[in-house]
Amino acid sequence: MGEFSVLIEARPFCAFDKVPMEQLRNSGMELIDMRGSGLEDSKFIDALKQVDAILCGNDLVVNDEVLKMAPRVRAIAKLGAGLDTVDIQAATRHNALVFHTPGANNQAVADHTFALILNVARRIIYCDRSLREKRWEHTKIMGLEIWQKTLGLVGLGAIGRCVALRAKGFQMRVVAYDPFWPTDFAREQSIEKMEIEELLKVSDIISIHVPLIPETQSMINAKTLGSMKPSAILINAARGGIVNETDLYHALKNRVIAGAGIDVFENEPPSESPLLELDNVVLTPHTAAFTFEGMHNMSVGVVEQLIEYCNGNKPAYTVNPEVWDAQRV
């Protein structure tokens, strides 16, 4: 393929682990490292015009407009599992192969989900802030036990299954909604299948684990929040647009539900989000996947696939295989 050039846009790529970057360099690719840059930078736009591949994260939306600026691009390597920032149809029209790294951060996101559950249930952040303000409220702050409570999983894919396994350690009843039901896993782990309407009514904790697609946009809204228990806790470490933030704000402020743990937002960073005003929500800055292990797995996974592509092999997690076939002609 000759010298193959890659524009590295993904900020988290090799932030704490330089080994995958060295693997790329040693493979003979030309690397244009513009991590933290974007379309507001003229040098970034100039680089787009010259490269064969883009290694992107969640900041750059790779759509038709961007691909028109990048006429040479034949591969889009997405760091992470989520593809909501890559327009697959546009990439296919531009004959650009898309591949990503599903599964690399499953354990990290599942850990973070449970961290949010426990933080919200036991009001850990509120307690910490109260004590730092020299208040001693040990008889005033009441929490919720999660032992043997009902956990409702909206989505029982790879991350949802990891969360379910953790819930078993708390002897929780696990119920789930997923149109692509994992029959064997659910049977082995005694997970009850439910329609989403019933799940929302019976669950003490509802955790979101579905991708952001048109069918899941604002899936959690005023109506669905209103069907939850007043004592319910909502957790979202999936994608921001799945939960309508304005509706969630009103539900939390008016105590329609008890609390929420949110790692992802409709607009990131969420500087204008009304959720910032509330004390019954725990907020984290889209860090569920950010563990040393998870980031290493993602970086290695995307590098291995880029090298495979350069060597004339189909990347393991190709999203639009029809482009691979077209590029082979």
Protein backbone atom coordinates (compact mmCIF):
# COMPACT_ATOMS: atom_id res chain seq x y z
CA MET A 1 0.00 0.00 0.00
CA GLY A 2 3.06 2.23 0.27
CA GLU A 3 3.37 4.86 2.97
CA PHE A 4 0.03 5.04 4.72
CA SER A 5 -0.82 8.23 6.62
CA VAL A 6 -3.05 8.39 9.69
CA LEU A 7 -4.52 11.51 11.29
CA ILE A 8 -4.81 10.84 15.03
CA GLU A 9 -7.67 12.92 16.46
CA ALA A 10 -8.80 10.81 19.43
CA ARG A 11 -7.65 12.64 22.56
CA PRO A 12 -7.60 9.58 24.87
CA PHE A 13 -5.50 7.50 22.46
CA CYS A 14 -2.27 6.49 24.25
CA ALA A 15 -2.78 9.22 26.86
CA PHE A 16 -1.34 6.95 29.58
CA ASP A 17 0.28 4.19 27.55
CA LYS A 18 2.75 4.91 24.76
CA VAL A 19 3.22 1.31 23.60
CA PRO A 20 0.37 1.23 21.02
CA MET A 21 1.64 4.49 19.50
CA GLU A 22 5.07 2.93 19.10
CA GLN A 23 3.45 -0.08 17.44
CA LEU A 24 1.91 2.24 14.86
CA ARG A 25 5.21 4.03 14.26
CA ASN A 26 7.10 0.76 13.92
CA SER A 27 4.58 -0.46 11.35
CA GLY A 28 5.83 2.17 8.92
CA MET A 29 2.77 4.41 8.88
CA GLU A 30 3.10 8.17 8.72
CA LEU A 31 1.40 9.56 11.84
CA ILE A 32 -0.04 13.06 12.06
CA ASP A 33 -0.70 13.54 15.77
CA MET A 34 -3.40 16.16 16.27
CA ARG A 35 -4.97 14.85 19.45
CA GLY A 36 -7.06 17.58 21.06
CA SER A 37 -7.42 19.51 17.80
CA GLY A 38 -10.45 19.71 15.55
CA LEU A 39 -12.27 21.46 12.73
CA GLU A 40 -11.72 24.89 14.27
CA ASP A 41 -7.99 24.47 13.51
CA SER A 42 -6.94 25.21 9.92
CA LYS A 43 -3.95 22.86 10.30
CA PHE A 44 -6.36 20.05 11.18
CA ILE A 45 -8.39 20.72 8.03
CA ASP A 46 -5.20 20.78 5.95
CA ALA A 47 -4.21 17.43 7.44
CA LEU A 48 -7.60 15.93 6.58
CA LYS A 49 -6.92 16.61 2.91
CA GLN A 50 -3.74 14.54 2.93
CA VAL A 51 -4.37 11.42 5.01
CA ASP A 52 -5.47 7.89 4.23
CA ALA A 53 -7.09 7.17 7.59
CA ILE A 54 -8.58 8.94 10.60
CA LEU A 55 -8.20 7.58 14.12
CA CYS A 56 -11.05 9.34 15.90
CA GLY A 57 -12.72 9.44 19.29
CA ASN A 58 -15.97 11.05 20.45
CA ASP A 59 -15.14 14.71 19.75
CA LEU A 60 -14.98 14.69 15.95
CA VAL A 61 -18.25 13.95 14.17
CA VAL A 62 -17.20 12.15 11.00
CA ASN A 63 -20.00 12.99 8.60
CA ASP A 64 -20.43 13.81 4.94
CA GLU A 65 -19.03 17.32 5.40
CA VAL A 66 -15.85 16.05 7.04
CA LEU A 67 -15.36 13.28 4.50
CA LYS A 68 -15.64 15.77 1.65
CA MET A 69 -12.62 17.50 3.20
CA ALA A 70 -10.77 14.17 3.26
CA PRO A 71 -10.83 12.79 -0.30
CA ARG A 72 -8.02 10.29 0.32
CA VAL A 73 -9.48 8.71 3.46
CA ARG A 74 -10.13 5.01 3.04
CA ALA A 75 -10.32 3.95 6.68
CA ILE A 76 -11.97 5.38 9.80
CA ALA A 77 -10.66 3.79 12.98
CA LYS A 78 -12.97 4.57 15.89
CA LEU A 79 -11.45 4.42 19.38
CA GLY A 80 -14.18 2.79 21.48
CA ALA A 81 -17.39 0.94 20.79
CA GLY A 82 -19.84 3.78 20.20
CA LEU A 83 -20.47 4.78 16.60
CA ASP A 84 -22.88 7.67 17.10
CA THR A 85 -20.17 10.16 16.02
CA VAL A 86 -19.50 8.33 12.75
CA ASP A 87 -22.02 8.55 9.92
CA ILE A 88 -21.74 5.01 8.59
CA GLN A 89 -23.83 5.71 5.51
CA ALA A 90 -21.70 8.74 4.61
CA ALA A 91 -18.52 6.72 5.13
CA THR A 92 -19.86 3.99 2.88
CA ARG A 93 -20.73 6.50 0.17
CA HIS A 94 -17.17 7.82 0.36
CA ASN A 95 -15.75 4.29 0.15
CA ALA A 96 -14.25 4.57 3.65
CA LEU A 97 -14.07 1.43 5.77
CA VAL A 98 -15.19 1.89 9.39
CA PHE A 99 -13.98 -0.28 12.27
CA HIS A 100 -14.12 0.14 16.04
CA THR A 101 -13.18 -1.55 19.33
CA PRO A 102 -16.29 -3.09 20.93
CA GLY A 103 -15.71 -4.94 24.18
CA ALA A 104 -12.46 -3.20 25.05
CA ASN A 105 -13.97 -1.21 27.90
CA ASN A 106 -16.86 -3.43 29.00
CA GLN A 107 -15.49 -4.08 32.48
CA ALA A 108 -14.58 -0.43 33.01
CA VAL A 109 -18.08 0.79 32.13
CA ALA A 110 -19.71 -1.91 34.26
CA ASP A 111 -17.53 -0.93 37.23
CA HIS A 112 -18.45 2.73 36.75
CA THR A 113 -22.12 1.85 36.52
CA PHE A 114 -21.97 0.19 39.91
CA ALA A 115 -19.93 3.06 41.32
CA LEU A 116 -22.75 5.40 40.28
CA ILE A 117 -25.40 3.08 41.73
CA LEU A 118 -23.67 2.98 45.12
CA ASN A 119 -22.86 6.69 45.11
CA VAL A 120 -26.46 7.67 44.43
CA ALA A 121 -28.01 5.06 46.72
CA ARG A 122 -25.80 5.96 49.68
CA ARG A 123 -25.43 9.67 48.82
CA ILE A 124 -21.66 9.39 49.05
CA ILE A 125 -20.88 12.61 47.17
CA TYR A 126 -23.40 14.59 49.22
CA CYS A 127 -21.93 13.21 52.44
CA ASP A 128 -18.41 14.14 51.34
CA ARG A 129 -19.41 17.71 50.48
CA SER A 130 -21.39 18.09 53.70
CA LEU A 131 -18.46 17.00 55.84
CA ARG A 132 -16.03 19.28 53.99
CA GLU A 133 -18.40 22.15 54.81
CA LYS A 134 -17.96 21.27 58.53
CA ARG A 135 -21.46 19.81 58.87
CA TRP A 136 -21.99 16.60 60.82
CA GLU A 137 -25.23 15.10 59.49
CA HIS A 138 -24.79 11.46 60.38
CA THR A 139 -28.37 11.08 61.65
CA LYS A 140 -29.95 13.14 58.85
CA ILE A 141 -28.66 11.55 55.66
CA MET A 142 -30.59 8.43 54.73
CA GLY A 143 -29.46 6.08 51.98
CA LEU A 144 -30.97 3.17 50.09
CA GLU A 145 -29.72 -0.41 50.43
CA ILE A 146 -29.20 -2.14 47.11
CA TRP A 147 -28.99 -5.61 48.69
CA GLN A 148 -31.68 -7.82 47.12
CA LYS A 149 -33.25 -4.89 45.29
CA THR A 150 -34.53 -5.12 41.69
CA LEU A 151 -32.14 -3.94 39.00
CA GLY A 152 -33.69 -3.20 35.61
CA LEU A 153 -31.29 -3.29 32.68
CA VAL A 154 -32.40 -1.51 29.53
CA GLY A 155 -30.14 -3.41 27.17
CA LEU A 156 -28.53 -6.78 27.86
CA GLY A 157 -25.62 -6.57 25.46
CA ALA A 158 -21.99 -6.99 26.46
CA ILE A 159 -21.90 -4.19 29.06
CA GLY A 160 -25.38 -4.96 30.37
CA ARG A 161 -24.31 -8.55 30.96
CA CYS A 162 -21.21 -7.39 32.86
CA VAL A 163 -23.43 -5.24 35.09
CA ALA A 164 -25.79 -8.17 35.64
CA LEU A 165 -22.92 -10.33 36.87
CA ARG A 166 -21.91 -7.67 39.37
CA ALA A 167 -25.50 -7.39 40.59
CA LYS A 168 -25.50 -11.06 41.52
CA GLY A 169 -22.93 -10.26 44.21
CA PHE A 170 -25.59 -8.11 45.88
CA GLN A 171 -28.21 -10.85 45.44
CA MET A 172 -30.24 -8.48 43.31
CA ARG A 173 -33.20 -9.54 41.26
CA VAL A 174 -32.19 -8.68 37.70
CA VAL A 175 -34.81 -7.94 35.05
CA ALA A 176 -33.98 -6.79 31.55
CA TYR A 177 -35.35 -5.51 28.28
CA ASP A 178 -33.55 -6.25 25.03
CA PRO A 179 -35.03 -6.95 21.59
CA PHE A 180 -32.02 -9.21 20.90
CA TRP A 181 -32.46 -11.47 23.92
CA PRO A 182 -29.38 -13.48 25.02
CA THR A 183 -31.31 -16.63 25.88
CA ASP A 184 -28.48 -18.77 27.25
CA PHE A 185 -26.91 -16.05 29.40
CA ALA A 186 -30.27 -14.95 30.78
CA ARG A 187 -31.19 -18.51 31.71
CA GLU A 188 -27.81 -19.19 33.35
CA GLN A 189 -28.02 -15.98 35.40
CA SER A 190 -31.76 -16.17 36.18
CA ILE A 191 -32.48 -12.86 34.47
CA GLU A 192 -36.16 -12.13 33.84
CA LYS A 193 -37.24 -10.88 30.42
CA MET A 194 -39.60 -7.90 30.49
CA GLU A 195 -41.05 -5.32 28.18
CA ILE A 196 -39.66 -1.90 28.98
CA GLU A 197 -42.95 -0.57 30.37
CA GLU A 198 -43.11 -3.29 33.03
CA LEU A 199 -39.39 -3.04 33.79
CA LEU A 200 -39.66 0.67 34.56
CA LYS A 201 -42.52 0.05 36.99
CA VAL A 202 -40.94 -2.75 39.03
CA SER A 203 -37.26 -1.73 39.16
CA ASP A 204 -35.60 -0.01 42.09
CA ILE A 205 -32.63 0.89 39.90
CA ILE A 206 -32.80 1.35 36.13
CA SER A 207 -29.53 1.27 34.19
CA ILE A 208 -29.27 2.17 30.50
CA HIS A 209 -27.09 0.03 28.21
CA VAL A 210 -28.31 0.61 24.65
CA PRO A 211 -26.68 2.49 21.75
CA LEU A 212 -27.87 5.92 20.68
CA ILE A 213 -29.86 5.32 17.51
CA PRO A 214 -33.07 6.97 16.27
CA GLU A 215 -35.17 4.36 18.09
CA THR A 216 -33.52 5.12 21.46
CA GLN A 217 -33.37 8.93 21.17
CA SER A 218 -35.12 10.36 24.27
CA MET A 219 -36.20 6.84 25.25
CA ILE A 220 -36.19 8.07 28.84
CA ASN A 221 -38.53 11.05 28.95
CA ALA A 222 -41.27 12.59 31.08
CA LYS A 223 -43.65 9.72 30.37
CA THR A 224 -41.21 6.90 31.12
CA LEU A 225 -39.81 8.70 34.17
CA GLY A 226 -43.35 9.09 35.45
CA SER A 227 -43.87 5.33 35.33
CA MET A 228 -40.92 4.66 37.65
CA LYS A 229 -41.14 4.23 41.41
CA PRO A 230 -40.75 7.45 43.44
CA SER A 231 -37.81 5.70 45.13
CA ALA A 232 -36.19 4.71 41.83
CA ILE A 233 -32.65 5.54 40.75
CA LEU A 234 -31.74 6.05 37.08
CA ILE A 235 -28.22 5.34 35.81
CA ASN A 236 -26.95 6.32 32.36
CA ALA A 237 -23.40 5.48 31.30
CA ALA A 238 -24.41 4.75 27.69
CA ARG A 239 -25.07 7.87 25.59
CA GLY A 240 -26.54 11.25 26.53
CA GLY A 241 -29.28 11.55 23.95
CA ILE A 242 -31.03 8.44 25.27
CA VAL A 243 -32.21 10.43 28.30
CA ASN A 244 -34.08 13.70 27.82
CA GLU A 245 -32.13 15.90 30.24
CA THR A 246 -34.84 18.53 30.64
CA ASP A 247 -37.39 15.87 31.56
CA LEU A 248 -34.90 14.22 33.92
CA TYR A 249 -34.21 17.56 35.60
CA HIS A 250 -37.90 18.11 36.32
CA ALA A 251 -38.33 14.52 37.51
CA LEU A 252 -35.44 14.89 39.96
CA LYS A 253 -36.37 18.38 41.12
CA ASN A 254 -39.99 17.38 41.74
CA ARG A 255 -38.97 14.04 43.31
CA VAL A 256 -40.78 12.00 40.66
CA ILE A 257 -37.77 9.69 41.10
CA ALA A 258 -35.28 9.67 43.96
CA GLY A 259 -31.97 10.12 42.18
CA ALA A 260 -29.77 9.59 39.16
CA GLY A 261 -26.19 8.86 38.19
CA ILE A 262 -25.22 10.34 34.83
CA ASP A 263 -21.94 9.93 32.96
CA VAL A 264 -23.06 11.10 29.51
CA PHE A 265 -24.89 14.19 28.32
CA GLU A 266 -26.84 15.55 25.37
CA ASN A 267 -24.17 18.21 24.94
CA GLU A 268 -20.64 17.64 26.16
CA PRO A 269 -19.31 19.32 28.17
CA PRO A 270 -22.70 20.03 29.82
CA SER A 271 -21.91 23.57 30.94
CA GLU A 272 -25.54 24.68 30.58
CA SER A 273 -27.21 21.53 31.88
CA PRO A 274 -29.81 22.20 34.60
CA LEU A 275 -28.74 18.92 36.23
CA LEU A 276 -25.75 20.81 37.64
CA GLU A 277 -28.11 22.57 40.05
CA LEU A 278 -29.36 19.42 41.78
CA ASP A 279 -27.99 17.49 44.75
CA ASN A 280 -29.84 14.22 44.08
CA VAL A 281 -27.84 13.45 40.95
CA VAL A 282 -24.21 12.31 40.68
CA LEU A 283 -22.49 13.56 37.54
CA THR A 284 -19.25 12.34 35.97
CA PRO A 285 -17.60 13.69 32.78
CA HIS A 286 -18.04 10.74 30.39
CA THR A 287 -15.32 8.80 32.21
CA ALA A 288 -16.94 5.36 32.51
CA ALA A 289 -14.49 3.84 30.03
CA PHE A 290 -11.45 5.59 31.46
CA THR A 291 -9.43 3.02 33.32
CA PHE A 292 -5.81 2.18 32.56
CA GLU A 293 -6.92 -1.28 31.48
CA GLY A 294 -9.85 -0.10 29.38
CA MET A 295 -7.88 2.58 27.56
CA HIS A 296 -5.02 0.17 26.92
CA ASN A 297 -7.44 -2.36 25.44
CA MET A 298 -9.03 0.26 23.19
CA SER A 299 -5.71 1.67 21.98
CA VAL A 300 -4.25 -1.78 21.28
CA GLY A 301 -7.46 -2.88 19.57
CA VAL A 302 -7.58 0.05 17.18
CA VAL A 303 -3.85 -0.18 16.41
CA GLU A 304 -4.04 -3.90 15.63
CA GLN A 305 -6.89 -3.29 13.21
CA LEU A 306 -5.11 -0.41 11.48
CA ILE A 307 -2.06 -2.61 10.99
CA GLU A 308 -4.25 -5.44 9.69
CA TYR A 309 -5.85 -3.04 7.22
CA CYS A 310 -2.47 -1.83 6.00
CA ASN A 311 -1.37 -5.43 5.55
CA GLY A 312 -4.31 -6.11 3.28
CA ASN A 313 -6.46 -7.90 5.84
CA LYS A 314 -10.00 -7.11 6.89
CA PRO A 315 -10.12 -5.52 10.39
CA ALA A 316 -11.82 -7.72 12.97
CA TYR A 317 -14.57 -5.26 13.86
CA THR A 318 -15.49 -3.86 10.47
CA VAL A 319 -18.86 -2.09 10.43
CA ASN A 320 -19.47 -1.68 6.70
CA PRO A 321 -18.04 -4.83 5.05
CA GLU A 322 -19.44 -3.87 1.66
CA VAL A 323 -16.73 -1.19 1.50
CA TRP A 324 -14.07 -3.82 2.15
CA ASP A 325 -15.37 -5.79 -0.82
CA ALA A 326 -15.45 -2.66 -2.99
CA GLN A 327 -11.89 -1.71 -2.05
CA ARG A 328 -10.64 -5.17 -3.02
CA VAL A 329 -11.89 -4.83 -6.60
